[in-house]
């Protein structure tokens, strides 16, 4: 059972802690962020605290950005195994003998592709949705730290997350980070100067448990309007502490801001190949 979060304002940042108890195990996670200067896009002073430990647990459908409706779902792939994006909710177009029709557009204004009209009913239905992979089991039911979307515009920002026991951290990073060119959403993010060198220096490793048809690594879909569409994708990275300690996150200039899942379970392992023993 999850206990209420304790929230203390301390000097330059905020510390949130949650105590989870179950089956004789407990984990305490504290979040402490700081920053200086202004949002480089708006010029407004940065908002602190920007990071908080969510009082809900991470799951399929969880909201992952504090000031956005963005939720997470299993990633979607096309028949070739490439990431696919449902850029909006499905349409339903009913074609009548008179030629008149009715269209129900998605809330985000971008229509999903339509299939061929049925010769029997005259109804044009959306093309069958591409297959979704399973939601990563190692993320399900875990504590997580969520951030203001504005952190992606903070040039001087850091967040320290501390645990009181061995833990694995999963960093979810938008595929467009450091590569905002057309098509970048199909490839993993790039890390380095000027903003994400901390990912490389911190030893974060790409997670690959075999969920992706092409075997490139694990992904989580981002539904930016909480309307059933997959608009962008997070790549999953991990880092494990073998004892109590802290990790430190920095800034990020592109894409949706990252999300951090904290697990006291062992690191997710790649599935062994199937076949005869």
C-alpha atoms as a PDB file:
ATOM      1  CA  UNK A   1       0.000   0.000   0.000  1.00  0.00           C
ATOM      2  CA  UNK A   2       1.373   3.415  -0.884  1.00  0.00           C
ATOM      3  CA  UNK A   3       1.715   5.908   1.922  1.00  0.00           C
ATOM      4  CA  UNK A   4       1.009   9.614   1.380  1.00  0.00           C
ATOM      5  CA  UNK A   5       3.921  11.584  -0.030  1.00  0.00           C
ATOM      6  CA  UNK A   6       5.739  13.918   2.340  1.00  0.00           C
ATOM      7  CA  UNK A   7       6.631  17.208   0.742  1.00  0.00           C
ATOM      8  CA  UNK A   8       9.180  19.595   2.172  1.00  0.00           C
ATOM      9  CA  UNK A   9      10.468  22.805   0.685  1.00  0.00           C
ATOM     10  CA  UNK A  10      14.169  23.040   1.440  1.00  0.00           C
ATOM     11  CA  UNK A  11      16.204  26.026   0.303  1.00  0.00           C
ATOM     12  CA  UNK A  12      16.905  25.768  -3.403  1.00  0.00           C
ATOM     13  CA  UNK A  13      14.817  22.729  -4.133  1.00  0.00           C
ATOM     14  CA  UNK A  14      12.221  20.328  -2.940  1.00  0.00           C
ATOM     15  CA  UNK A  15      12.466  16.850  -1.496  1.00  0.00           C
ATOM     16  CA  UNK A  16       9.644  14.358  -2.028  1.00  0.00           C
ATOM     17  CA  UNK A  17       9.731  10.941  -0.434  1.00  0.00           C
ATOM     18  CA  UNK A  18       7.406   7.966  -0.586  1.00  0.00           C
ATOM     19  CA  UNK A  19       7.611   4.855   1.559  1.00  0.00           C
ATOM     20  CA  UNK A  20       6.299   1.696  -0.072  1.00  0.00           C
ATOM     21  CA  UNK A  21       5.719  -1.354   2.060  1.00  0.00           C
ATOM     22  CA  UNK A  22       4.787  -4.809   0.861  1.00  0.00           C
ATOM     23  CA  UNK A  23       5.935  -8.364   1.367  1.00  0.00           C
ATOM     24  CA  UNK A  24       8.366  -7.116   3.996  1.00  0.00           C
ATOM     25  CA  UNK A  25      10.235  -4.861   1.546  1.00  0.00           C
ATOM     26  CA  UNK A  26      10.462  -1.090   1.553  1.00  0.00           C
ATOM     27  CA  UNK A  27      11.978   1.582  -0.642  1.00  0.00           C
ATOM     28  CA  UNK A  28      12.381   5.284  -0.054  1.00  0.00           C
ATOM     29  CA  UNK A  29      12.920   7.582  -3.032  1.00  0.00           C
ATOM     30  CA  UNK A  30      13.703  11.285  -2.632  1.00  0.00           C
ATOM     31  CA  UNK A  31      13.794  13.897  -5.385  1.00  0.00           C
ATOM     32  CA  UNK A  32      15.773  17.102  -5.183  1.00  0.00           C
ATOM     33  CA  UNK A  33      16.167  19.547  -8.095  1.00  0.00           C
ATOM     34  CA  UNK A  34      17.813  22.922  -8.598  1.00  0.00           C
ATOM     35  CA  UNK A  35      18.419  25.403 -11.345  1.00  0.00           C
ATOM     36  CA  UNK A  36      19.250  28.980 -12.225  1.00  0.00           C
ATOM     37  CA  UNK A  37      18.484  31.508 -14.915  1.00  0.00           C
ATOM     38  CA  UNK A  38      15.591  31.672 -17.322  1.00  0.00           C
ATOM     39  CA  UNK A  39      13.698  29.505 -19.772  1.00  0.00           C
ATOM     40  CA  UNK A  40      15.716  30.059 -22.943  1.00  0.00           C
ATOM     41  CA  UNK A  41      12.583  30.058 -25.103  1.00  0.00           C
ATOM     42  CA  UNK A  42      10.256  32.335 -23.126  1.00  0.00           C
ATOM     43  CA  UNK A  43      12.789  34.284 -21.076  1.00  0.00           C
ATOM     44  CA  UNK A  44      10.703  33.653 -17.966  1.00  0.00           C
ATOM     45  CA  UNK A  45      12.404  32.614 -14.703  1.00  0.00           C
ATOM     46  CA  UNK A  46      12.548  28.832 -14.357  1.00  0.00           C
ATOM     47  CA  UNK A  47       9.996  27.114 -12.138  1.00  0.00           C
ATOM     48  CA  UNK A  48      11.168  25.040  -9.180  1.00  0.00           C
ATOM     49  CA  UNK A  49      10.497  22.418  -8.115  1.00  0.00           C
ATOM     50  CA  UNK A  50      10.167  21.078 -11.647  1.00  0.00           C
ATOM     51  CA  UNK A  51      10.520  17.410 -10.627  1.00  0.00           C
ATOM     52  CA  UNK A  52       8.289  15.465  -8.272  1.00  0.00           C
ATOM     53  CA  UNK A  53       7.817  11.874  -7.257  1.00  0.00           C
ATOM     54  CA  UNK A  54       4.417  10.936  -8.637  1.00  0.00           C
ATOM     55  CA  UNK A  55       1.937   9.651  -6.071  1.00  0.00           C
ATOM     56  CA  UNK A  56       0.689   7.123  -8.644  1.00  0.00           C
ATOM     57  CA  UNK A  57       2.644   4.136  -9.903  1.00  0.00           C
ATOM     58  CA  UNK A  58       3.897   3.777 -13.464  1.00  0.00           C
ATOM     59  CA  UNK A  59       1.658   1.724 -15.738  1.00  0.00           C
ATOM     60  CA  UNK A  60       0.134   1.534 -19.185  1.00  0.00           C
ATOM     61  CA  UNK A  61      -1.880   4.771 -19.454  1.00  0.00           C
ATOM     62  CA  UNK A  62       0.072   6.704 -16.818  1.00  0.00           C
ATOM     63  CA  UNK A  63       0.459  10.457 -17.267  1.00  0.00           C
ATOM     64  CA  UNK A  64       4.193  11.084 -17.553  1.00  0.00           C
ATOM     65  CA  UNK A  65       4.627  14.881 -17.779  1.00  0.00           C
ATOM     66  CA  UNK A  66       3.367  17.055 -14.937  1.00  0.00           C
ATOM     67  CA  UNK A  67       1.847  19.849 -17.013  1.00  0.00           C
ATOM     68  CA  UNK A  68       0.815  17.894 -20.111  1.00  0.00           C
ATOM     69  CA  UNK A  69      -1.835  15.251 -20.820  1.00  0.00           C
ATOM     70  CA  UNK A  70       0.791  12.912 -22.266  1.00  0.00           C
ATOM     71  CA  UNK A  71       0.272   9.256 -21.360  1.00  0.00           C
ATOM     72  CA  UNK A  72       2.264   6.120 -22.154  1.00  0.00           C
ATOM     73  CA  UNK A  73       1.201   2.969 -23.975  1.00  0.00           C
ATOM     74  CA  UNK A  74       2.878   0.062 -25.757  1.00  0.00           C
ATOM     75  CA  UNK A  75       4.834   1.112 -28.835  1.00  0.00           C
ATOM     76  CA  UNK A  76       3.426   0.351 -32.289  1.00  0.00           C
ATOM     77  CA  UNK A  77       5.287  -1.291 -35.195  1.00  0.00           C
ATOM     78  CA  UNK A  78       4.476  -1.792 -38.854  1.00  0.00           C
ATOM     79  CA  UNK A  79       4.722  -5.098 -40.706  1.00  0.00           C
ATOM     80  CA  UNK A  80       8.437  -4.606 -41.321  1.00  0.00           C
ATOM     81  CA  UNK A  81       9.124  -4.114 -37.612  1.00  0.00           C
ATOM     82  CA  UNK A  82       9.666  -0.359 -37.894  1.00  0.00           C
ATOM     83  CA  UNK A  83       8.161   2.008 -35.356  1.00  0.00           C
ATOM     84  CA  UNK A  84       4.772   3.227 -36.498  1.00  0.00           C
ATOM     85  CA  UNK A  85       2.830   6.286 -35.449  1.00  0.00           C
ATOM     86  CA  UNK A  86      -0.929   6.572 -35.311  1.00  0.00           C
ATOM     87  CA  UNK A  87      -1.034  10.330 -35.797  1.00  0.00           C
ATOM     88  CA  UNK A  88      -4.617  10.673 -34.683  1.00  0.00           C
ATOM     89  CA  UNK A  89      -7.745   8.865 -33.640  1.00  0.00           C
ATOM     90  CA  UNK A  90      -9.516   6.728 -36.220  1.00  0.00           C
ATOM     91  CA  UNK A  91     -12.042   8.164 -38.649  1.00  0.00           C
ATOM     92  CA  UNK A  92     -15.302   6.535 -39.565  1.00  0.00           C
ATOM     93  CA  UNK A  93     -16.626   7.593 -42.973  1.00  0.00           C
ATOM     94  CA  UNK A  94     -20.029   6.275 -43.965  1.00  0.00           C
ATOM     95  CA  UNK A  95     -20.630   6.431 -47.703  1.00  0.00           C
ATOM     96  CA  UNK A  96     -24.258   6.516 -48.708  1.00  0.00           C
ATOM     97  CA  UNK A  97     -25.820   5.818 -52.122  1.00  0.00           C
ATOM     98  CA  UNK A  98     -26.310   9.555 -52.630  1.00  0.00           C
ATOM     99  CA  UNK A  99     -22.595  10.074 -52.236  1.00  0.00           C
ATOM    100  CA  UNK A 100     -23.036  11.998 -49.017  1.00  0.00           C
ATOM    101  CA  UNK A 101     -20.775  11.036 -46.177  1.00  0.00           C
ATOM    102  CA  UNK A 102     -20.062  11.763 -42.547  1.00  0.00           C
ATOM    103  CA  UNK A 103     -16.623  12.109 -41.065  1.00  0.00           C
ATOM    104  CA  UNK A 104     -15.691  12.000 -37.398  1.00  0.00           C
ATOM    105  CA  UNK A 105     -12.287  13.710 -37.219  1.00  0.00           C
ATOM    106  CA  UNK A 106      -9.879  12.957 -34.383  1.00  0.00           C
ATOM    107  CA  UNK A 107      -9.508  15.519 -31.628  1.00  0.00           C
ATOM    108  CA  UNK A 108      -5.995  16.408 -32.709  1.00  0.00           C
ATOM    109  CA  UNK A 109      -7.184  17.046 -36.255  1.00  0.00           C
ATOM    110  CA  UNK A 110      -4.999  14.441 -37.975  1.00  0.00           C
ATOM    111  CA  UNK A 111      -6.800  11.523 -39.531  1.00  0.00           C
ATOM    112  CA  UNK A 112      -5.718   7.908 -39.521  1.00  0.00           C
ATOM    113  CA  UNK A 113      -5.462   6.269 -42.971  1.00  0.00           C
ATOM    114  CA  UNK A 114      -8.649   4.761 -44.358  1.00  0.00           C
ATOM    115  CA  UNK A 115      -9.087   1.342 -45.903  1.00  0.00           C
ATOM    116  CA  UNK A 116     -11.195   0.387 -48.904  1.00  0.00           C
ATOM    117  CA  UNK A 117     -15.019   0.654 -48.743  1.00  0.00           C
ATOM    118  CA  UNK A 118     -16.799  -2.623 -48.120  1.00  0.00           C
ATOM    119  CA  UNK A 119     -18.616  -3.886 -51.232  1.00  0.00           C
ATOM    120  CA  UNK A 120     -21.440  -5.156 -49.027  1.00  0.00           C
ATOM    121  CA  UNK A 121     -22.042  -2.271 -46.632  1.00  0.00           C
ATOM    122  CA  UNK A 122     -20.488   0.749 -48.346  1.00  0.00           C
ATOM    123  CA  UNK A 123     -18.805   1.596 -45.062  1.00  0.00           C
ATOM    124  CA  UNK A 124     -15.226   2.797 -45.193  1.00  0.00           C
ATOM    125  CA  UNK A 125     -13.350   1.809 -42.070  1.00  0.00           C
ATOM    126  CA  UNK A 126      -9.870   2.815 -40.927  1.00  0.00           C
ATOM    127  CA  UNK A 127      -7.029   0.535 -41.888  1.00  0.00           C
ATOM    128  CA  UNK A 128      -6.285  -2.063 -39.283  1.00  0.00           C
ATOM    129  CA  UNK A 129      -4.041  -0.618 -36.596  1.00  0.00           C
ATOM    130  CA  UNK A 130      -0.453  -1.863 -36.626  1.00  0.00           C
ATOM    131  CA  UNK A 131       0.430  -4.345 -33.884  1.00  0.00           C
ATOM    132  CA  UNK A 132       1.509  -3.065 -30.503  1.00  0.00           C
ATOM    133  CA  UNK A 133       4.195  -4.699 -28.441  1.00  0.00           C
ATOM    134  CA  UNK A 134       3.671  -5.602 -24.822  1.00  0.00           C
ATOM    135  CA  UNK A 135       4.100  -2.873 -22.245  1.00  0.00           C
ATOM    136  CA  UNK A 136       7.485  -3.399 -20.528  1.00  0.00           C
ATOM    137  CA  UNK A 137       6.755  -5.490 -17.439  1.00  0.00           C
ATOM    138  CA  UNK A 138       9.794  -4.124 -15.588  1.00  0.00           C
ATOM    139  CA  UNK A 139       8.219  -0.628 -15.651  1.00  0.00           C
ATOM    140  CA  UNK A 140       4.752  -1.664 -14.546  1.00  0.00           C
ATOM    141  CA  UNK A 141       3.814  -0.825 -10.966  1.00  0.00           C
ATOM    142  CA  UNK A 142       7.012   1.075 -10.191  1.00  0.00           C
ATOM    143  CA  UNK A 143       7.530   4.492  -8.657  1.00  0.00           C
ATOM    144  CA  UNK A 144       8.417   7.282 -11.055  1.00  0.00           C
ATOM    145  CA  UNK A 145       9.604  10.857 -11.174  1.00  0.00           C
ATOM    146  CA  UNK A 146       7.814  13.200 -13.554  1.00  0.00           C
ATOM    147  CA  UNK A 147       8.873  16.632 -14.703  1.00  0.00           C
ATOM    148  CA  UNK A 148       7.469  19.856 -16.067  1.00  0.00           C
ATOM    149  CA  UNK A 149       7.696  19.944 -19.850  1.00  0.00           C
ATOM    150  CA  UNK A 150       9.480  23.288 -19.433  1.00  0.00           C
ATOM    151  CA  UNK A 151      12.634  21.572 -18.150  1.00  0.00           C
ATOM    152  CA  UNK A 152      13.585  21.005 -21.799  1.00  0.00           C
ATOM    153  CA  UNK A 153      14.164  24.781 -21.974  1.00  0.00           C
ATOM    154  CA  UNK A 154      16.262  25.078 -18.797  1.00  0.00           C
ATOM    155  CA  UNK A 155      19.944  25.509 -19.572  1.00  0.00           C
ATOM    156  CA  UNK A 156      21.108  25.249 -15.945  1.00  0.00           C
ATOM    157  CA  UNK A 157      19.151  22.463 -14.331  1.00  0.00           C
ATOM    158  CA  UNK A 158      19.870  19.287 -12.403  1.00  0.00           C
ATOM    159  CA  UNK A 159      17.833  16.753 -10.499  1.00  0.00           C
ATOM    160  CA  UNK A 160      19.217  14.320  -7.913  1.00  0.00           C
ATOM    161  CA  UNK A 161      17.222  11.178  -7.130  1.00  0.00           C
ATOM    162  CA  UNK A 162      18.251   9.204  -4.045  1.00  0.00           C
ATOM    163  CA  UNK A 163      17.255   5.686  -2.973  1.00  0.00           C
ATOM    164  CA  UNK A 164      17.856   3.862   0.294  1.00  0.00           C
ATOM    165  CA  UNK A 165      18.407   0.416  -1.250  1.00  0.00           C
ATOM    166  CA  UNK A 166      19.707  -1.242  -4.444  1.00  0.00           C
ATOM    167  CA  UNK A 167      17.626   0.017  -7.371  1.00  0.00           C
ATOM    168  CA  UNK A 168      17.449   0.173 -11.135  1.00  0.00           C
ATOM    169  CA  UNK A 169      16.559   3.470 -12.771  1.00  0.00           C
ATOM    170  CA  UNK A 170      14.880   3.547 -16.178  1.00  0.00           C
ATOM    171  CA  UNK A 171      15.269   6.766 -18.123  1.00  0.00           C
ATOM    172  CA  UNK A 172      12.673   7.256 -20.874  1.00  0.00           C
ATOM    173  CA  UNK A 173      13.961   9.636 -23.569  1.00  0.00           C
ATOM    174  CA  UNK A 174      12.081  11.008 -26.585  1.00  0.00           C
ATOM    175  CA  UNK A 175      13.574   9.694 -29.849  1.00  0.00           C
ATOM    176  CA  UNK A 176      13.896  13.243 -31.220  1.00  0.00           C
ATOM    177  CA  UNK A 177      16.397  14.406 -28.600  1.00  0.00           C
ATOM    178  CA  UNK A 178      19.430  16.021 -30.285  1.00  0.00           C
ATOM    179  CA  UNK A 179      17.975  15.146 -33.703  1.00  0.00           C
ATOM    180  CA  UNK A 180      14.867  17.047 -34.731  1.00  0.00           C
ATOM    181  CA  UNK A 181      15.163  16.398 -38.463  1.00  0.00           C
ATOM    182  CA  UNK A 182      12.249  14.705 -40.288  1.00  0.00           C
ATOM    183  CA  UNK A 183      12.276  10.979 -39.590  1.00  0.00           C
ATOM    184  CA  UNK A 184      14.274  11.253 -36.366  1.00  0.00           C
ATOM    185  CA  UNK A 185      11.337   9.820 -34.446  1.00  0.00           C
ATOM    186  CA  UNK A 186      12.108   6.412 -35.970  1.00  0.00           C
ATOM    187  CA  UNK A 187      15.626   6.238 -34.501  1.00  0.00           C
ATOM    188  CA  UNK A 188      17.002   6.289 -30.973  1.00  0.00           C
ATOM    189  CA  UNK A 189      17.942   9.690 -29.519  1.00  0.00           C
ATOM    190  CA  UNK A 190      21.472  11.064 -29.743  1.00  0.00           C
ATOM    191  CA  UNK A 191      23.407  12.217 -26.676  1.00  0.00           C
ATOM    192  CA  UNK A 192      26.251  14.652 -26.191  1.00  0.00           C
ATOM    193  CA  UNK A 193      27.051  18.336 -25.953  1.00  0.00           C
ATOM    194  CA  UNK A 194      25.613  20.833 -25.339  1.00  0.00           C
ATOM    195  CA  UNK A 195      22.749  19.360 -23.318  1.00  0.00           C
ATOM    196  CA  UNK A 196      22.813  15.584 -22.826  1.00  0.00           C
ATOM    197  CA  UNK A 197      26.472  14.756 -22.260  1.00  0.00           C
ATOM    198  CA  UNK A 198      25.388  13.741 -18.745  1.00  0.00           C
ATOM    199  CA  UNK A 199      23.645  10.656 -20.193  1.00  0.00           C
ATOM    200  CA  UNK A 200      26.916   9.388 -21.657  1.00  0.00           C
ATOM    201  CA  UNK A 201      28.990  10.370 -18.621  1.00  0.00           C
ATOM    202  CA  UNK A 202      26.477   8.732 -16.287  1.00  0.00           C
ATOM    203  CA  UNK A 203      26.798   5.321 -17.919  1.00  0.00           C
ATOM    204  CA  UNK A 204      23.179   4.912 -18.994  1.00  0.00           C
ATOM    205  CA  UNK A 205      22.678   1.769 -21.089  1.00  0.00           C
ATOM    206  CA  UNK A 206      20.062   1.014 -23.744  1.00  0.00           C
ATOM    207  CA  UNK A 207      17.521  -1.568 -22.560  1.00  0.00           C
ATOM    208  CA  UNK A 208      16.744  -4.409 -24.949  1.00  0.00           C
ATOM    209  CA  UNK A 209      14.552  -7.253 -23.677  1.00  0.00           C
ATOM    210  CA  UNK A 210      13.408  -8.380 -27.107  1.00  0.00           C
ATOM    211  CA  UNK A 211      10.143  -6.407 -27.189  1.00  0.00           C
ATOM    212  CA  UNK A 212      10.947  -4.805 -30.548  1.00  0.00           C
ATOM    213  CA  UNK A 213      10.373  -6.924 -33.690  1.00  0.00           C
ATOM    214  CA  UNK A 214      13.640  -5.642 -35.188  1.00  0.00           C
ATOM    215  CA  UNK A 215      15.527  -6.217 -31.930  1.00  0.00           C
ATOM    216  CA  UNK A 216      16.770  -2.621 -31.722  1.00  0.00           C
ATOM    217  CA  UNK A 217      15.711  -1.990 -28.128  1.00  0.00           C
ATOM    218  CA  UNK A 218      12.695  -1.373 -25.909  1.00  0.00           C
ATOM    219  CA  UNK A 219      10.327   1.541 -26.572  1.00  0.00           C
ATOM    220  CA  UNK A 220       7.271   3.067 -24.917  1.00  0.00           C
ATOM    221  CA  UNK A 221       4.674   4.944 -26.965  1.00  0.00           C
ATOM    222  CA  UNK A 222       3.682   8.517 -26.064  1.00  0.00           C
ATOM    223  CA  UNK A 223       0.058   9.574 -26.516  1.00  0.00           C
ATOM    224  CA  UNK A 224       0.323  13.370 -26.471  1.00  0.00           C
ATOM    225  CA  UNK A 225      -3.411  14.032 -26.283  1.00  0.00           C
ATOM    226  CA  UNK A 226      -4.556  11.072 -24.198  1.00  0.00           C
ATOM    227  CA  UNK A 227      -6.877  10.204 -27.091  1.00  0.00           C
ATOM    228  CA  UNK A 228      -5.690   6.758 -28.113  1.00  0.00           C
ATOM    229  CA  UNK A 229      -3.014   7.805 -30.614  1.00  0.00           C
ATOM    230  CA  UNK A 230       0.740   7.215 -30.515  1.00  0.00           C
ATOM    231  CA  UNK A 231       2.392  10.506 -31.469  1.00  0.00           C
ATOM    232  CA  UNK A 232       5.976  10.017 -30.321  1.00  0.00           C
ATOM    233  CA  UNK A 233       8.123   7.345 -28.659  1.00  0.00           C
ATOM    234  CA  UNK A 234      10.416   7.050 -25.651  1.00  0.00           C
ATOM    235  CA  UNK A 235      13.551   4.896 -25.850  1.00  0.00           C
ATOM    236  CA  UNK A 236      14.357   3.116 -22.575  1.00  0.00           C
ATOM    237  CA  UNK A 237      17.754   3.391 -20.843  1.00  0.00           C
ATOM    238  CA  UNK A 238      18.814   1.984 -17.495  1.00  0.00           C
ATOM    239  CA  UNK A 239      21.316   2.399 -14.721  1.00  0.00           C
ATOM    240  CA  UNK A 240      21.636   0.211 -11.623  1.00  0.00           C
ATOM    241  CA  UNK A 241      22.908   1.073  -8.152  1.00  0.00           C
ATOM    242  CA  UNK A 242      24.075  -1.971  -6.195  1.00  0.00           C
ATOM    243  CA  UNK A 243      23.519  -0.146  -2.918  1.00  0.00           C
ATOM    244  CA  UNK A 244      21.798   2.952  -1.565  1.00  0.00           C
ATOM    245  CA  UNK A 245      22.870   6.084  -3.377  1.00  0.00           C
ATOM    246  CA  UNK A 246      21.958   8.808  -5.853  1.00  0.00           C
ATOM    247  CA  UNK A 247      21.861   9.546  -9.549  1.00  0.00           C
ATOM    248  CA  UNK A 248      21.891  12.969 -11.184  1.00  0.00           C
ATOM    249  CA  UNK A 249      19.956  14.084 -14.254  1.00  0.00           C
ATOM    250  CA  UNK A 250      20.597  17.178 -16.352  1.00  0.00           C
ATOM    251  CA  UNK A 251      18.762  19.146 -18.994  1.00  0.00           C
ATOM    252  CA  UNK A 252      17.453  18.219 -22.431  1.00  0.00           C
ATOM    253  CA  UNK A 253      16.672  20.628 -25.263  1.00  0.00           C
ATOM    254  CA  UNK A 254      14.461  18.703 -27.696  1.00  0.00           C
ATOM    255  CA  UNK A 255      11.377  16.518 -27.737  1.00  0.00           C
ATOM    256  CA  UNK A 256       9.173  15.708 -24.766  1.00  0.00           C
ATOM    257  CA  UNK A 257      10.938  15.901 -21.430  1.00  0.00           C
ATOM    258  CA  UNK A 258      12.220  12.595 -20.088  1.00  0.00           C
ATOM    259  CA  UNK A 259      10.593  10.489 -17.382  1.00  0.00           C
ATOM    260  CA  UNK A 260      12.409   8.440 -14.720  1.00  0.00           C
ATOM    261  CA  UNK A 261      11.070   5.122 -13.420  1.00  0.00           C
ATOM    262  CA  UNK A 262      12.609   3.762 -10.199  1.00  0.00           C
ATOM    263  CA  UNK A 263      12.546   0.015  -9.611  1.00  0.00           C
ATOM    264  CA  UNK A 264      13.811  -2.035  -6.689  1.00  0.00           C
ATOM    265  CA  UNK A 265      13.514  -5.144  -8.866  1.00  0.00           C
ATOM    266  CA  UNK A 266      16.512  -6.552 -10.699  1.00  0.00           C
ATOM    267  CA  UNK A 267      17.431  -5.088 -14.081  1.00  0.00           C
ATOM    268  CA  UNK A 268      15.292  -6.263 -16.976  1.00  0.00           C
ATOM    269  CA  UNK A 269      17.065  -8.986 -18.925  1.00  0.00           C
ATOM    270  CA  UNK A 270      16.969  -9.619 -22.643  1.00  0.00           C
ATOM    271  CA  UNK A 271      14.754 -12.576 -23.488  1.00  0.00           C
ATOM    272  CA  UNK A 272      16.723 -15.677 -24.517  1.00  0.00           C
ATOM    273  CA  UNK A 273      16.207 -16.798 -28.111  1.00  0.00           C
ATOM    274  CA  UNK A 274      13.387 -19.261 -28.605  1.00  0.00           C
ATOM    275  CA  UNK A 275      14.013 -22.655 -30.111  1.00  0.00           C
ATOM    276  CA  UNK A 276      14.948 -26.199 -29.197  1.00  0.00           C
ATOM    277  CA  UNK A 277      17.176 -26.600 -26.169  1.00  0.00           C
END
